[in-house]
Amino acid sequence: MTKSRLRALGEGLLVPVAVILIWQLACSAGWVNPMVLPSPVAVAARWWAYLAPLEAYDPAAGSWLAWLFSGEMIHDSLSSLSRVVMGFAVGAGLALPLGLFMGTSDAIYRHINPLMQVLRPIPPIAYIPLSILWFGLGNAPAVFLIAIGAFFPVLMNTIAGVRHVDSIYIRAARSLGASRLTIFRRVILPAATPYILSGARIGIGTAFIVVIVAEMIAVNNGLGFRILEAREYFWSDKIIAGMLTIGLIGLAIDLAVSRLNSHLLRWHRGLES
């Protein structure tokens, strides 16, 4: 790791470490009720208990690796991530082709855009009653809500990317005798790719937000469900531990998507692969 990266990491950790120290001092001095705001030490202890396996290792029960990943938090995280992946795949899978059609065809855009503009401001949370009526409880309503959350960021960015392609490139391709399909594949789609990937990054972030809300209502596992369960028992330390877990997973997803976007768009910045 270079000195510049170490310096950036240190600067990024400065404020969080200061906040944790002030938080711990306030709790140690008795300025806050531990039932309302537990200390960082208590949260860390609960987080570790949430992560660790529930039972001692028994070789007869299975492999050591399976036991190591048998903690409650790992199961909840995997449940939430699986819903995010399914919902994002559905939402983005519908939004991408629709956005490409709306971006390339003025007629399709004029007919569909009014409906999209009416539906777009409606938050996914508003669909919760309908999702339960239509799909009942379980994964189906959660995936439906996540798909809605991921759909519009991908759709709108795809439309913007296609419609902002410089007309000079299209005219140049036509003057060289390129067909409409060739222009779409070789000109429009590559030029719109940065917009599409930005929409995907926003969409998967929105999907992760929606899954937490959906799990508080429609399912009986996952990080959102576990936070709601902790609230019922006044386990403030577990609530904060779950929130921190969500933040860490969300950060990891955003960094991974950002790295993937940077790798896929090396050509766009004029870098060699």
Protein backbone atom coordinates (compact mmCIF):
# COMPACT_ATOMS: atom_id res chain seq x y z
CA MET A 1 0.00 0.00 0.00
CA THR A 2 1.45 3.36 -1.03
CA LYS A 3 1.96 6.29 1.33
CA SER A 4 -0.83 8.25 -0.33
CA ARG A 5 -3.28 5.42 0.24
CA LEU A 6 -2.17 5.02 3.84
CA ARG A 7 -2.61 8.74 4.38
CA ALA A 8 -6.07 8.67 2.79
CA LEU A 9 -7.02 5.70 4.97
CA GLY A 10 -5.80 7.49 8.08
CA GLU A 11 -7.72 10.63 7.21
CA GLY A 12 -10.84 8.58 6.55
CA LEU A 13 -10.59 6.81 9.93
CA LEU A 14 -9.90 9.98 11.92
CA VAL A 15 -13.51 11.12 12.35
CA PRO A 16 -15.01 7.63 13.01
CA VAL A 17 -12.37 6.90 15.68
CA ALA A 18 -13.00 10.28 17.31
CA VAL A 19 -16.77 9.64 17.33
CA ILE A 20 -16.27 6.21 18.92
CA LEU A 21 -13.98 7.65 21.61
CA ILE A 22 -16.45 10.41 22.49
CA TRP A 23 -19.28 7.87 22.48
CA GLN A 24 -17.34 5.57 24.84
CA LEU A 25 -16.43 8.43 27.17
CA ALA A 26 -20.06 9.57 27.35
CA CYS A 27 -21.22 6.05 28.20
CA SER A 28 -18.45 5.50 30.78
CA ALA A 29 -19.29 8.79 32.47
CA GLY A 30 -22.93 7.77 32.77
CA TRP A 31 -24.23 10.63 30.65
CA VAL A 32 -26.51 8.34 28.63
CA ASN A 33 -28.83 5.50 29.52
CA PRO A 34 -27.20 2.20 28.40
CA MET A 35 -30.64 0.86 27.45
CA VAL A 36 -31.01 3.74 25.00
CA LEU A 37 -27.42 4.00 23.79
CA PRO A 38 -25.07 1.17 24.80
CA SER A 39 -21.33 1.75 24.78
CA PRO A 40 -19.14 0.82 21.80
CA VAL A 41 -17.61 -1.96 23.90
CA ALA A 42 -21.05 -3.45 24.53
CA VAL A 43 -21.95 -3.12 20.84
CA ALA A 44 -18.69 -4.79 19.82
CA ALA A 45 -19.31 -7.66 22.26
CA ARG A 46 -22.85 -8.13 20.90
CA TRP A 47 -21.58 -7.92 17.31
CA TRP A 48 -19.07 -10.67 17.99
CA ALA A 49 -21.73 -12.81 19.66
CA TYR A 50 -23.96 -12.20 16.64
CA LEU A 51 -21.14 -13.28 14.31
CA ALA A 52 -19.80 -16.26 16.26
CA PRO A 53 -21.27 -19.79 15.98
CA LEU A 54 -24.11 -20.45 18.40
CA GLU A 55 -22.75 -23.79 19.62
CA ALA A 56 -19.33 -25.26 20.37
CA TYR A 57 -17.63 -27.17 17.58
CA ASP A 58 -18.59 -30.83 17.38
CA PRO A 59 -16.65 -32.86 14.77
CA ALA A 60 -19.49 -35.37 14.58
CA ALA A 61 -21.96 -32.67 13.56
CA GLY A 62 -20.11 -31.59 10.43
CA SER A 63 -17.01 -29.93 9.06
CA TRP A 64 -15.11 -27.20 10.86
CA LEU A 65 -15.70 -24.77 7.99
CA ALA A 66 -19.47 -25.27 8.13
CA TRP A 67 -19.37 -24.67 11.90
CA LEU A 68 -17.27 -21.51 11.44
CA PHE A 69 -19.92 -19.99 9.15
CA SER A 70 -22.91 -21.12 11.21
CA GLY A 71 -23.29 -17.83 13.08
CA GLU A 72 -26.62 -16.03 13.09
CA MET A 73 -25.22 -12.90 11.44
CA ILE A 74 -23.72 -14.83 8.53
CA HIS A 75 -27.02 -16.58 7.83
CA ASP A 76 -28.92 -13.30 8.05
CA SER A 77 -26.40 -11.53 5.80
CA LEU A 78 -26.54 -14.27 3.19
CA SER A 79 -30.35 -14.20 3.26
CA SER A 80 -30.38 -10.43 2.71
CA LEU A 81 -27.76 -10.61 -0.03
CA SER A 82 -29.62 -13.36 -1.87
CA ARG A 83 -32.77 -11.22 -1.91
CA VAL A 84 -30.80 -8.22 -3.12
CA VAL A 85 -29.29 -10.24 -5.97
CA MET A 86 -32.63 -11.68 -7.03
CA GLY A 87 -34.49 -8.38 -6.80
CA PHE A 88 -31.76 -6.44 -8.56
CA ALA A 89 -31.57 -9.03 -11.34
CA VAL A 90 -35.32 -8.75 -11.93
CA GLY A 91 -35.43 -4.94 -11.73
CA ALA A 92 -32.33 -4.30 -13.83
CA GLY A 93 -33.26 -7.08 -16.27
CA LEU A 94 -36.55 -5.30 -16.99
CA ALA A 95 -35.19 -1.74 -16.88
CA LEU A 96 -32.21 -2.20 -19.20
CA PRO A 97 -34.03 -3.29 -22.38
CA LEU A 98 -36.90 -0.87 -21.71
CA GLY A 99 -34.44 1.99 -21.23
CA LEU A 100 -32.62 1.10 -24.44
CA PHE A 101 -35.91 1.04 -26.40
CA MET A 102 -37.09 4.32 -24.86
CA GLY A 103 -33.74 5.95 -25.50
CA THR A 104 -33.47 4.94 -29.15
CA SER A 105 -37.12 5.38 -30.18
CA ASP A 106 -38.88 8.72 -29.79
CA ALA A 107 -42.28 7.08 -30.35
CA ILE A 108 -41.76 4.54 -27.56
CA TYR A 109 -40.40 7.29 -25.30
CA ARG A 110 -43.45 9.52 -25.85
CA HIS A 111 -45.87 6.69 -25.09
CA ILE A 112 -44.18 5.20 -22.02
CA ASN A 113 -42.39 8.12 -20.39
CA PRO A 114 -45.54 9.73 -18.86
CA LEU A 115 -46.37 6.50 -17.05
CA MET A 116 -42.78 6.12 -15.82
CA GLN A 117 -42.73 9.70 -14.53
CA VAL A 118 -45.91 9.05 -12.54
CA LEU A 119 -44.61 5.81 -11.02
CA ARG A 120 -41.01 6.92 -10.42
CA PRO A 121 -41.66 9.24 -7.41
CA ILE A 122 -43.59 6.52 -5.56
CA PRO A 123 -41.19 5.01 -2.98
CA PRO A 124 -40.93 1.20 -2.92
CA ILE A 125 -42.12 1.24 0.70
CA ALA A 126 -45.53 2.46 -0.48
CA TYR A 127 -45.95 -0.83 -2.34
CA ILE A 128 -45.66 -2.91 0.84
CA PRO A 129 -49.43 -3.41 1.39
CA LEU A 130 -49.95 -4.38 -2.25
CA SER A 131 -46.93 -6.68 -2.25
CA ILE A 132 -48.29 -8.58 0.74
CA LEU A 133 -51.77 -8.77 -0.82
CA TRP A 134 -50.38 -10.01 -4.13
CA PHE A 135 -47.60 -12.32 -2.94
CA GLY A 136 -48.31 -13.03 0.72
CA LEU A 137 -45.36 -13.33 3.08
CA GLY A 138 -41.89 -14.66 2.36
CA ASN A 139 -39.26 -13.92 -0.27
CA ALA A 140 -41.66 -13.04 -3.10
CA PRO A 141 -42.88 -9.66 -1.75
CA ALA A 142 -39.34 -8.75 -0.67
CA VAL A 143 -37.96 -9.50 -4.14
CA PHE A 144 -40.82 -7.51 -5.69
CA LEU A 145 -40.04 -4.44 -3.56
CA ILE A 146 -36.30 -4.70 -4.26
CA ALA A 147 -36.98 -5.00 -7.98
CA ILE A 148 -38.98 -1.77 -7.89
CA GLY A 149 -36.19 -0.04 -5.98
CA ALA A 150 -33.58 -1.12 -8.55
CA PHE A 151 -35.77 -0.61 -11.63
CA PHE A 152 -35.98 3.18 -11.89
CA PRO A 153 -32.30 4.12 -11.32
CA VAL A 154 -31.25 1.69 -14.05
CA LEU A 155 -34.08 2.79 -16.35
CA MET A 156 -33.52 6.52 -16.07
CA ASN A 157 -29.74 6.29 -16.41
CA THR A 158 -30.04 4.01 -19.42
CA ILE A 159 -32.42 6.43 -21.13
CA ALA A 160 -30.15 9.37 -20.33
CA GLY A 161 -27.10 7.52 -21.60
CA VAL A 162 -28.68 6.59 -24.93
CA ARG A 163 -30.23 10.00 -25.53
CA HIS A 164 -27.00 11.84 -24.73
CA VAL A 165 -24.91 10.07 -27.34
CA ASP A 166 -23.27 12.75 -29.50
CA SER A 167 -25.12 12.95 -32.82
CA ILE A 168 -21.80 13.51 -34.60
CA TYR A 169 -20.86 9.88 -33.97
CA ILE A 170 -24.18 8.62 -35.28
CA ARG A 171 -23.97 10.78 -38.43
CA ALA A 172 -20.40 9.64 -39.01
CA ALA A 173 -21.44 5.99 -38.72
CA ARG A 174 -24.33 6.53 -41.14
CA SER A 175 -22.06 8.26 -43.64
CA LEU A 176 -19.85 5.17 -43.59
CA GLY A 177 -22.84 2.98 -44.43
CA ALA A 178 -23.42 1.40 -41.02
CA SER A 179 -26.81 -0.19 -40.47
CA ARG A 180 -29.09 0.74 -37.56
CA LEU A 181 -28.13 -2.43 -35.70
CA THR A 182 -24.43 -1.75 -36.20
CA ILE A 183 -24.86 1.85 -35.01
CA PHE A 184 -26.65 0.59 -31.93
CA ARG A 185 -24.02 -2.05 -31.11
CA ARG A 186 -20.89 -0.10 -32.03
CA VAL A 187 -21.84 3.50 -31.23
CA ILE A 188 -24.88 3.93 -28.99
CA LEU A 189 -24.37 1.05 -26.57
CA PRO A 190 -20.66 1.72 -25.84
CA ALA A 191 -21.32 5.44 -25.40
CA ALA A 192 -24.21 4.76 -23.00
CA THR A 193 -22.32 2.16 -20.95
CA PRO A 194 -20.97 4.64 -18.34
CA TYR A 195 -24.52 5.86 -17.66
CA ILE A 196 -25.83 2.30 -17.46
CA LEU A 197 -23.14 1.23 -14.99
CA SER A 198 -23.76 4.34 -12.86
CA GLY A 199 -27.45 3.45 -12.80
CA ALA A 200 -26.60 -0.10 -11.79
CA ARG A 201 -24.45 1.18 -8.91
CA ILE A 202 -27.27 3.41 -7.67
CA GLY A 203 -29.81 0.64 -8.22
CA ILE A 204 -27.97 -1.98 -6.20
CA GLY A 205 -27.50 0.53 -3.38
CA THR A 206 -31.21 1.26 -3.41
CA ALA A 207 -31.95 -2.47 -3.50
CA PHE A 208 -29.92 -2.99 -0.33
CA ILE A 209 -31.85 -0.21 1.42
CA VAL A 210 -35.21 -1.65 0.37
CA VAL A 211 -34.35 -5.21 1.44
CA ILE A 212 -33.92 -4.07 5.06
CA VAL A 213 -37.38 -2.50 5.09
CA ALA A 214 -38.93 -5.50 3.36
CA GLU A 215 -37.38 -7.92 5.85
CA MET A 216 -38.93 -6.02 8.73
CA ILE A 217 -42.38 -6.79 7.38
CA ALA A 218 -42.56 -9.76 5.05
CA VAL A 219 -39.96 -12.38 6.12
CA ASN A 220 -38.67 -14.08 9.25
CA ASN A 221 -34.91 -13.89 8.67
CA GLY A 222 -32.33 -11.45 7.37
CA LEU A 223 -30.68 -8.37 8.85
CA GLY A 224 -33.83 -6.26 8.79
CA PHE A 225 -35.85 -8.94 10.58
CA ARG A 226 -33.14 -9.34 13.21
CA ILE A 227 -33.08 -5.59 13.95
CA LEU A 228 -36.85 -5.57 14.35
CA GLU A 229 -36.63 -8.60 16.64
CA ALA A 230 -33.99 -6.86 18.76
CA ARG A 231 -36.27 -3.85 19.12
CA GLU A 232 -39.03 -6.05 20.55
CA TYR A 233 -36.66 -7.23 23.31
CA PHE A 234 -35.02 -3.81 23.89
CA TRP A 235 -31.64 -5.15 22.74
CA SER A 236 -30.20 -1.77 21.77
CA ASP A 237 -26.70 -3.20 21.40
CA LYS A 238 -27.93 -5.78 18.90
CA ILE A 239 -29.86 -3.12 16.98
CA ILE A 240 -26.70 -1.05 16.56
CA ALA A 241 -24.65 -4.17 15.79
CA GLY A 242 -27.11 -5.02 13.02
CA MET A 243 -26.99 -1.46 11.70
CA LEU A 244 -23.18 -1.57 11.60
CA THR A 245 -23.32 -4.88 9.77
CA ILE A 246 -25.61 -3.34 7.17
CA GLY A 247 -23.25 -0.39 6.78
CA LEU A 248 -20.19 -2.61 6.35
CA ILE A 249 -21.90 -4.86 3.80
CA GLY A 250 -23.25 -1.84 1.93
CA LEU A 251 -19.77 -0.31 1.85
CA ALA A 252 -18.28 -3.56 0.56
CA ILE A 253 -20.93 -3.81 -2.19
CA ASP A 254 -20.40 -0.19 -3.25
CA LEU A 255 -16.62 -0.60 -3.36
CA ALA A 256 -16.94 -3.81 -5.37
CA VAL A 257 -19.33 -2.24 -7.88
CA SER A 258 -17.13 0.86 -8.12
CA ARG A 259 -14.05 -1.28 -8.82
CA LEU A 260 -15.99 -3.27 -11.42
CA ASN A 261 -17.16 -0.08 -13.12
CA SER A 262 -13.62 1.29 -13.16
CA HIS A 263 -12.34 -1.93 -14.70
CA LEU A 264 -15.06 -2.09 -17.35
CA LEU A 265 -14.64 1.58 -18.26
CA ARG A 266 -10.86 1.61 -18.63
CA TRP A 267 -11.33 2.01 -22.39
CA HIS A 268 -13.61 4.99 -21.79
CA ARG A 269 -10.88 6.84 -19.88
CA GLY A 270 -8.29 6.01 -22.52
CA LEU A 271 -6.44 3.45 -20.39
CA GLU A 272 -4.99 0.24 -21.68
CA SER A 273 -6.51 -3.00 -20.43
